[in-house]
Amino acid sequence: MLDAYFRETPLSGIGVVVALLLATTLAAVALRTGTVSPLRVWLYAAALGSYAAVTMMPGALDQGWRWVSPLGLHVDPPRWDALLTGIDSRSLNVWAGLALGASAVLLSLELRQWWPSLVVLAAPWLVEWWQAVMPTARDGLSGEDVGDNLYGIAVGAVIGLLLHAGLVLVERRAGTHDV
């Protein structure tokens, strides 16, 4: 499935590599400043950048520009079993949201600010709008994709809270705040 996707949208693979390089650069800056955990910065930037690259890069450029009206938005309930079933486009939307939610909560709790979580909650809506105007084979503005992404973000947020609690315990036992 992923192989077929990256064959259809080769720019997405390049975008993921650029996102990971940017995440590494931001983590290095965080390491030098010492104000925030470089691991949390890297996770957030890698998740958000990879999500943007995979969902916002255009498909084949010979398809031309098109517009899909936002009035055609349909909303389907999220796939609650998407984390357990095989990989398809809907389960990938949930898994992408999972990484976004976990990394956003980890960074938000580290910074004691909620803007990383707000950015992640806005991302599925922005991506769907973007898909409506980009040259792509997608239908654009899919409420199904938004629902699946938001479900993944919610599950990821719970995982992020659990990871943060675990990291706090490790920091207290080790007597350091560098984890």
Protein backbone atom coordinates (compact mmCIF):
# COMPACT_ATOMS: atom_id res chain seq x y z
CA MET A 1 0.00 0.00 0.00
CA LEU A 2 2.69 2.52 1.00
CA ASP A 3 4.84 1.50 -1.96
CA ALA A 4 1.95 2.15 -4.35
CA TYR A 5 1.25 5.50 -2.70
CA PHE A 6 4.83 6.71 -3.04
CA ARG A 7 4.91 5.54 -6.67
CA GLU A 8 1.79 7.62 -7.37
CA THR A 9 3.02 10.66 -5.45
CA PRO A 10 6.83 10.68 -5.66
CA LEU A 11 7.03 14.23 -4.31
CA SER A 12 5.67 12.96 -0.99
CA GLY A 13 8.77 10.83 -0.40
CA ILE A 14 10.99 13.83 -1.04
CA GLY A 15 8.79 15.89 1.28
CA VAL A 16 9.16 13.31 4.08
CA VAL A 17 12.96 13.40 3.74
CA VAL A 18 12.92 17.21 3.89
CA ALA A 19 10.59 17.09 6.92
CA LEU A 20 12.93 14.72 8.75
CA LEU A 21 15.94 16.90 7.95
CA LEU A 22 14.08 19.97 9.22
CA ALA A 23 13.05 18.08 12.37
CA THR A 24 16.68 17.12 13.00
CA THR A 25 17.79 20.73 12.54
CA LEU A 26 15.14 21.99 14.97
CA ALA A 27 16.12 19.32 17.50
CA ALA A 28 19.76 20.42 17.22
CA VAL A 29 18.70 24.01 17.91
CA ALA A 30 16.68 22.83 20.92
CA LEU A 31 19.73 20.92 22.15
CA ARG A 32 21.90 24.02 21.91
CA THR A 33 19.41 26.29 23.66
CA GLY A 34 18.53 23.74 26.33
CA THR A 35 15.04 25.18 26.79
CA VAL A 36 13.08 22.16 25.57
CA SER A 37 13.72 18.47 25.07
CA PRO A 38 15.27 17.91 21.63
CA LEU A 39 13.55 14.52 21.40
CA ARG A 40 10.11 16.08 21.87
CA VAL A 41 10.91 18.80 19.32
CA TRP A 42 12.10 16.19 16.83
CA LEU A 43 9.02 13.99 17.32
CA TYR A 44 6.65 16.95 16.85
CA ALA A 45 8.43 18.39 13.81
CA ALA A 46 8.87 14.95 12.21
CA ALA A 47 5.22 13.99 12.74
CA LEU A 48 3.81 17.31 11.54
CA GLY A 49 6.24 17.65 8.63
CA SER A 50 5.76 14.07 7.44
CA TYR A 51 1.98 14.42 7.73
CA ALA A 52 2.09 17.60 5.65
CA ALA A 53 4.40 15.99 3.07
CA VAL A 54 2.29 12.87 2.66
CA THR A 55 -1.06 14.64 2.56
CA MET A 56 -0.30 17.99 0.93
CA MET A 57 2.19 17.21 -1.83
CA PRO A 58 0.59 17.13 -5.26
CA GLY A 59 0.09 13.94 -7.22
CA ALA A 60 1.04 13.75 -10.84
CA LEU A 61 1.68 17.28 -12.03
CA ASP A 62 0.10 16.67 -15.44
CA GLN A 63 -3.40 16.59 -13.91
CA GLY A 64 -3.61 20.38 -13.68
CA TRP A 65 -5.30 22.55 -11.08
CA ARG A 66 -8.86 21.94 -10.02
CA TRP A 67 -11.23 23.13 -7.34
CA VAL A 68 -13.70 21.09 -5.31
CA SER A 69 -16.35 23.13 -3.53
CA PRO A 70 -16.25 23.02 0.28
CA LEU A 71 -20.03 22.76 0.14
CA GLY A 72 -19.62 19.15 -0.97
CA LEU A 73 -18.08 18.10 2.36
CA HIS A 74 -19.49 14.79 3.57
CA VAL A 75 -18.84 13.51 7.05
CA ASP A 76 -18.59 9.82 7.79
CA PRO A 77 -17.94 8.45 11.27
CA PRO A 78 -14.33 7.49 11.94
CA ARG A 79 -13.24 3.88 11.70
CA TRP A 80 -12.97 2.85 15.33
CA ASP A 81 -11.30 -0.42 14.38
CA ALA A 82 -8.73 1.21 12.07
CA LEU A 83 -5.89 0.62 14.53
CA LEU A 84 -6.57 -3.12 14.50
CA THR A 85 -7.45 -3.86 10.89
CA GLY A 86 -5.18 -4.12 7.89
CA ILE A 87 -3.57 -1.12 6.25
CA ASP A 88 -5.76 0.85 3.89
CA SER A 89 -6.18 4.57 3.23
CA ARG A 90 -8.53 5.04 6.18
CA SER A 91 -6.32 3.25 8.69
CA LEU A 92 -3.33 5.26 7.45
CA ASN A 93 -5.28 8.44 8.25
CA VAL A 94 -5.79 7.17 11.80
CA TRP A 95 -2.13 6.17 12.20
CA ALA A 96 -0.95 9.56 10.91
CA GLY A 97 -3.22 11.25 13.43
CA LEU A 98 -1.83 9.03 16.19
CA ALA A 99 1.71 10.33 15.68
CA LEU A 100 0.43 13.91 15.53
CA GLY A 101 -1.57 13.62 18.76
CA ALA A 102 1.17 11.95 20.79
CA SER A 103 3.91 14.35 19.69
CA ALA A 104 1.71 17.44 20.15
CA VAL A 105 0.77 16.52 23.71
CA LEU A 106 4.38 15.68 24.58
CA LEU A 107 5.60 19.06 23.32
CA SER A 108 2.64 20.99 24.77
CA LEU A 109 3.26 19.56 28.23
CA GLU A 110 6.99 20.26 27.96
CA LEU A 111 6.42 23.89 26.91
CA ARG A 112 3.39 24.35 29.17
CA GLN A 113 1.70 25.94 26.16
CA TRP A 114 -1.06 24.48 24.01
CA TRP A 115 -0.23 25.93 20.60
CA PRO A 116 1.39 22.65 19.38
CA SER A 117 -1.86 20.81 20.08
CA LEU A 118 -3.97 23.51 18.45
CA VAL A 119 -1.79 23.39 15.31
CA VAL A 120 -2.26 19.62 15.14
CA LEU A 121 -6.05 19.90 15.58
CA ALA A 122 -6.19 22.43 12.73
CA ALA A 123 -3.95 20.34 10.44
CA PRO A 124 -6.59 17.88 9.11
CA TRP A 125 -8.91 20.75 8.15
CA LEU A 126 -6.10 22.66 6.44
CA VAL A 127 -4.94 19.55 4.62
CA GLU A 128 -8.42 18.81 3.28
CA TRP A 129 -8.81 22.37 2.02
CA TRP A 130 -5.37 22.15 0.41
CA GLN A 131 -6.25 18.87 -1.31
CA ALA A 132 -9.23 20.59 -2.90
CA VAL A 133 -7.03 23.09 -4.74
CA MET A 134 -3.92 21.00 -5.48
CA PRO A 135 -3.45 18.97 -8.64
CA THR A 136 -4.25 15.58 -7.24
CA ALA A 137 -6.39 12.55 -7.87
CA ARG A 138 -8.05 12.89 -4.46
CA ASP A 139 -11.58 14.11 -3.95
CA GLY A 140 -10.50 16.95 -1.65
CA LEU A 141 -12.43 18.04 1.43
CA SER A 142 -13.22 14.59 2.78
CA GLY A 143 -14.98 14.57 6.12
CA GLU A 144 -14.08 10.90 6.34
CA ASP A 145 -10.36 11.77 6.30
CA VAL A 146 -10.84 14.56 8.85
CA GLY A 147 -12.77 12.22 11.16
CA ASP A 148 -10.14 9.50 10.89
CA ASN A 149 -7.31 11.98 11.50
CA LEU A 150 -9.07 13.49 14.53
CA TYR A 151 -9.74 10.01 15.94
CA GLY A 152 -6.04 9.19 15.56
CA ILE A 153 -5.09 12.51 17.17
CA ALA A 154 -7.34 11.77 20.16
CA VAL A 155 -5.88 8.28 20.66
CA GLY A 156 -2.38 9.71 20.17
CA ALA A 157 -3.06 12.41 22.76
CA VAL A 158 -3.86 9.74 25.35
CA ILE A 159 -0.66 7.89 24.42
CA GLY A 160 1.25 11.20 24.67
CA LEU A 161 -0.14 11.78 28.17
CA LEU A 162 0.95 8.29 29.23
CA LEU A 163 4.42 8.76 27.70
CA HIS A 164 4.78 12.13 29.44
CA ALA A 165 3.83 10.60 32.78
CA GLY A 166 6.40 7.84 32.22
CA LEU A 167 9.11 10.36 31.30
CA VAL A 168 8.35 12.42 34.41
CA LEU A 169 8.76 9.30 36.55
CA VAL A 170 12.09 8.50 34.88
CA GLU A 171 13.28 12.08 35.40
CA ARG A 172 12.36 12.01 39.09
CA ARG A 173 14.11 8.69 39.67
CA ALA A 174 17.22 9.76 37.76
CA GLY A 175 17.24 13.21 39.34
CA THR A 176 17.43 14.95 35.98
CA HIS A 177 15.13 16.89 33.71
CA ASP A 178 16.88 16.01 30.46
CA VAL A 179 14.63 13.17 29.27
